[in-house]
Structures are given as C-alpha cells and as structure tokens.
Amino acid sequence: MFKLLVPVDGSRPSVRAVRHAIKLAASGLDVSVLLLNVQPSPLPPSTAKSRRRAEMLQQLEQADMATAPAIALLEKAGVPYKRYARSGAPADGILKLARDEKCDAIAMGTRGMGAIAGLVLGSVAIKVLQLAPVPLTLVK
C-alpha cells in the first residue's frame, strides 16, 4: 500500500491536495492517506494545569474542524485514511510524521504566495520541499 501524507488545515489548497489523493486512488493506485493537522505549540509546562488542559482541548477542536472537510471527501470516495493531530511548527510536524510512518510521498496544498513573499515570510511548503525525505507534490 502506498502511504501518502496529506497535511490539512481546512484551507482550499489543502482540500485540493486531498482531491489529488482521491484521484490517485481512482486511477488504481492502492493508496492510504495519512491526514495530518498541526496546531501551534501548547502553552509551556509552567502554565497552570487547567489553562494547559483548556488550550489542548481547543487545539483538538481546531484540528477536528480543519480535518472535517478532508475526512468527508475521503469517506465519500472510499479512500482509506488515518487521522493525526500534532502540535508545534507545521513543517517540522509534517517532516517528522513522514519519517516516523515511512510515508512514500507527501501531497500538500500551497497558498500560492509569490517568490518574494515566500522568501521574506518563509513558508511551510518551502521548508517541507527543502527537507522532505520523500517525493513531494505541491497542489495549487
């Protein structure tokens, strides 16, 4: 089975990456999708326990909202998937899961920033492109 990591954040580009995965499955590729949503890092350990718990619950809710459109599409198409939620820097989370799960490829959306904006602001897609341990497809 071909393991395809698809990071999702609920944006249109990430939904287009999910549709790309569905097209691969429809073409006959035996694909399993690993859906990943990465939320910002939780509060530091020194923060009050009740506040940390509330923050973590909020992050889980946000991850659920971000992955819901992708899950609906995959289920409708009958494409098998596993859902992952992480916290931290998005590019780092993507790269770590790709390595840990021995993914065959990554397909992710890009917001279409111009070259100058990408250089100045940085980009998750650019960092993943530079450091990915497997082939990467960027979907516009």
Protein backbone atom coordinates (compact mmCIF):
# COMPACT_ATOMS: atom_id res chain seq x y z
CA MET A 1 0.00 0.00 0.00
CA PHE A 2 1.23 3.48 -0.96
CA LYS A 3 1.29 5.77 2.10
CA LEU A 4 0.51 9.35 1.14
CA LEU A 5 0.85 12.05 3.79
CA VAL A 6 -1.61 14.91 3.23
CA PRO A 7 -1.25 17.80 5.70
CA VAL A 8 -4.55 19.67 6.06
CA ASP A 9 -5.50 22.95 7.69
CA GLY A 10 -9.04 23.33 6.36
CA SER A 11 -7.96 25.72 3.60
CA ARG A 12 -8.97 25.36 -0.05
CA PRO A 13 -5.43 24.40 -1.10
CA SER A 14 -5.32 21.58 1.46
CA VAL A 15 -8.71 20.31 0.25
CA ARG A 16 -7.32 20.33 -3.30
CA ALA A 17 -4.43 18.16 -2.06
CA VAL A 18 -6.99 15.69 -0.66
CA ARG A 19 -8.75 15.66 -4.04
CA HIS A 20 -5.39 14.89 -5.64
CA ALA A 21 -5.04 11.89 -3.32
CA ILE A 22 -8.54 10.73 -4.29
CA LYS A 23 -7.62 10.99 -7.99
CA LEU A 24 -4.57 8.82 -7.36
CA ALA A 25 -6.77 6.20 -5.70
CA ALA A 26 -9.32 6.40 -8.54
CA SER A 27 -6.53 5.81 -11.07
CA GLY A 28 -5.85 2.43 -9.47
CA LEU A 29 -3.09 3.23 -7.00
CA ASP A 30 -3.56 1.31 -3.75
CA VAL A 31 -3.24 4.41 -1.58
CA SER A 32 -3.74 5.01 2.11
CA VAL A 33 -3.91 8.65 3.18
CA LEU A 34 -2.37 9.93 6.39
CA LEU A 35 -4.20 13.16 7.22
CA LEU A 36 -2.20 15.47 9.44
CA ASN A 37 -3.18 18.68 11.15
CA VAL A 38 -0.52 20.55 13.10
CA GLN A 39 -1.64 23.12 15.65
CA PRO A 40 0.66 25.72 17.26
CA SER A 41 2.65 24.54 20.26
CA PRO A 42 0.74 24.28 23.52
CA LEU A 43 1.48 26.55 26.43
CA PRO A 44 4.73 25.95 28.33
CA PRO A 45 4.72 23.47 31.23
CA SER A 46 4.99 26.31 33.75
CA THR A 47 1.48 27.46 32.80
CA ALA A 48 -1.37 26.50 35.14
CA LYS A 49 -2.60 22.94 34.60
CA SER A 50 -6.22 23.98 34.00
CA ARG A 51 -5.13 26.52 31.38
CA ARG A 52 -2.94 23.95 29.59
CA ARG A 53 -5.84 21.48 29.53
CA ALA A 54 -8.22 24.11 28.09
CA GLU A 55 -5.63 25.03 25.44
CA MET A 56 -5.16 21.38 24.46
CA LEU A 57 -8.90 20.84 24.17
CA GLN A 58 -9.18 23.94 22.00
CA GLN A 59 -6.40 22.64 19.75
CA LEU A 60 -8.17 19.29 19.37
CA GLU A 61 -11.37 21.08 18.38
CA GLN A 62 -9.47 23.15 15.82
CA ALA A 63 -7.82 20.02 14.44
CA ASP A 64 -11.26 18.38 14.13
CA MET A 65 -12.60 21.39 12.22
CA ALA A 66 -9.55 21.50 9.94
CA THR A 67 -9.74 17.82 9.04
CA ALA A 68 -13.53 17.52 8.71
CA PRO A 69 -13.75 18.53 5.01
CA ALA A 70 -10.92 16.15 4.09
CA ILE A 71 -12.46 13.27 6.02
CA ALA A 72 -15.83 13.83 4.32
CA LEU A 73 -14.22 13.70 0.87
CA LEU A 74 -12.14 10.60 1.64
CA GLU A 75 -15.07 8.73 3.14
CA LYS A 76 -17.32 9.59 0.19
CA ALA A 77 -14.63 8.32 -2.21
CA GLY A 78 -13.95 5.21 -0.12
CA VAL A 79 -10.26 6.01 0.27
CA PRO A 80 -8.73 4.61 3.48
CA TYR A 81 -7.15 7.12 5.82
CA LYS A 82 -5.73 7.65 9.28
CA ARG A 83 -6.04 10.97 11.06
CA TYR A 84 -3.18 12.53 13.01
CA ALA A 85 -3.12 15.71 15.10
CA ARG A 86 0.11 17.22 16.35
CA SER A 87 1.25 20.49 17.89
CA GLY A 88 4.33 22.50 17.09
CA ALA A 89 5.80 24.00 13.95
CA PRO A 90 3.79 22.71 10.94
CA ALA A 91 6.74 21.90 8.69
CA ASP A 92 8.53 20.05 11.49
CA GLY A 93 5.39 18.04 12.27
CA ILE A 94 4.96 17.11 8.60
CA LEU A 95 8.57 16.03 8.21
CA LYS A 96 8.55 14.02 11.44
CA LEU A 97 5.37 12.11 10.57
CA ALA A 98 6.66 11.39 7.07
CA ARG A 99 9.76 9.80 8.60
CA ASP A 100 8.06 8.07 11.53
CA GLU A 101 5.34 6.47 9.39
CA LYS A 102 7.67 5.73 6.49
CA CYS A 103 5.45 7.56 4.03
CA ASP A 104 6.02 7.05 0.32
CA ALA A 105 5.15 10.63 -0.62
CA ILE A 106 3.62 13.89 0.58
CA ALA A 107 0.91 15.89 -1.20
CA MET A 108 0.14 19.30 0.21
CA GLY A 109 -1.58 22.49 -0.77
CA THR A 110 0.20 25.73 -1.29
CA ARG A 111 -1.31 29.14 -0.81
CA GLY A 112 0.35 30.44 -3.96
CA MET A 113 2.49 33.16 -2.39
CA GLY A 114 4.80 34.89 -4.83
CA ALA A 115 8.53 34.27 -4.80
CA ILE A 116 9.34 37.45 -2.88
CA ALA A 117 6.69 36.85 -0.20
CA GLY A 118 7.88 33.26 0.13
CA LEU A 119 11.46 34.38 0.65
CA VAL A 120 10.61 37.11 3.13
CA LEU A 121 7.91 35.35 5.13
CA GLY A 122 9.06 31.79 4.80
CA SER A 123 6.61 29.04 4.04
CA VAL A 124 5.68 25.63 5.34
CA ALA A 125 5.66 24.32 1.77
CA ILE A 126 9.13 25.69 1.06
CA LYS A 127 10.61 24.14 4.20
CA VAL A 128 8.98 20.78 3.50
CA LEU A 129 10.17 20.97 -0.11
CA GLN A 130 13.74 21.55 1.04
CA LEU A 131 13.81 18.84 3.72
CA ALA A 132 11.29 16.17 2.69
CA PRO A 133 12.67 12.64 2.90
CA VAL A 134 10.21 11.50 0.18
CA PRO A 135 8.77 12.91 -3.08
CA LEU A 136 6.53 15.95 -2.57
CA THR A 137 3.64 17.12 -4.72
CA LEU A 138 2.55 20.72 -4.21
CA VAL A 139 -1.06 21.32 -5.23
CA LYS A 140 -2.21 24.86 -6.12
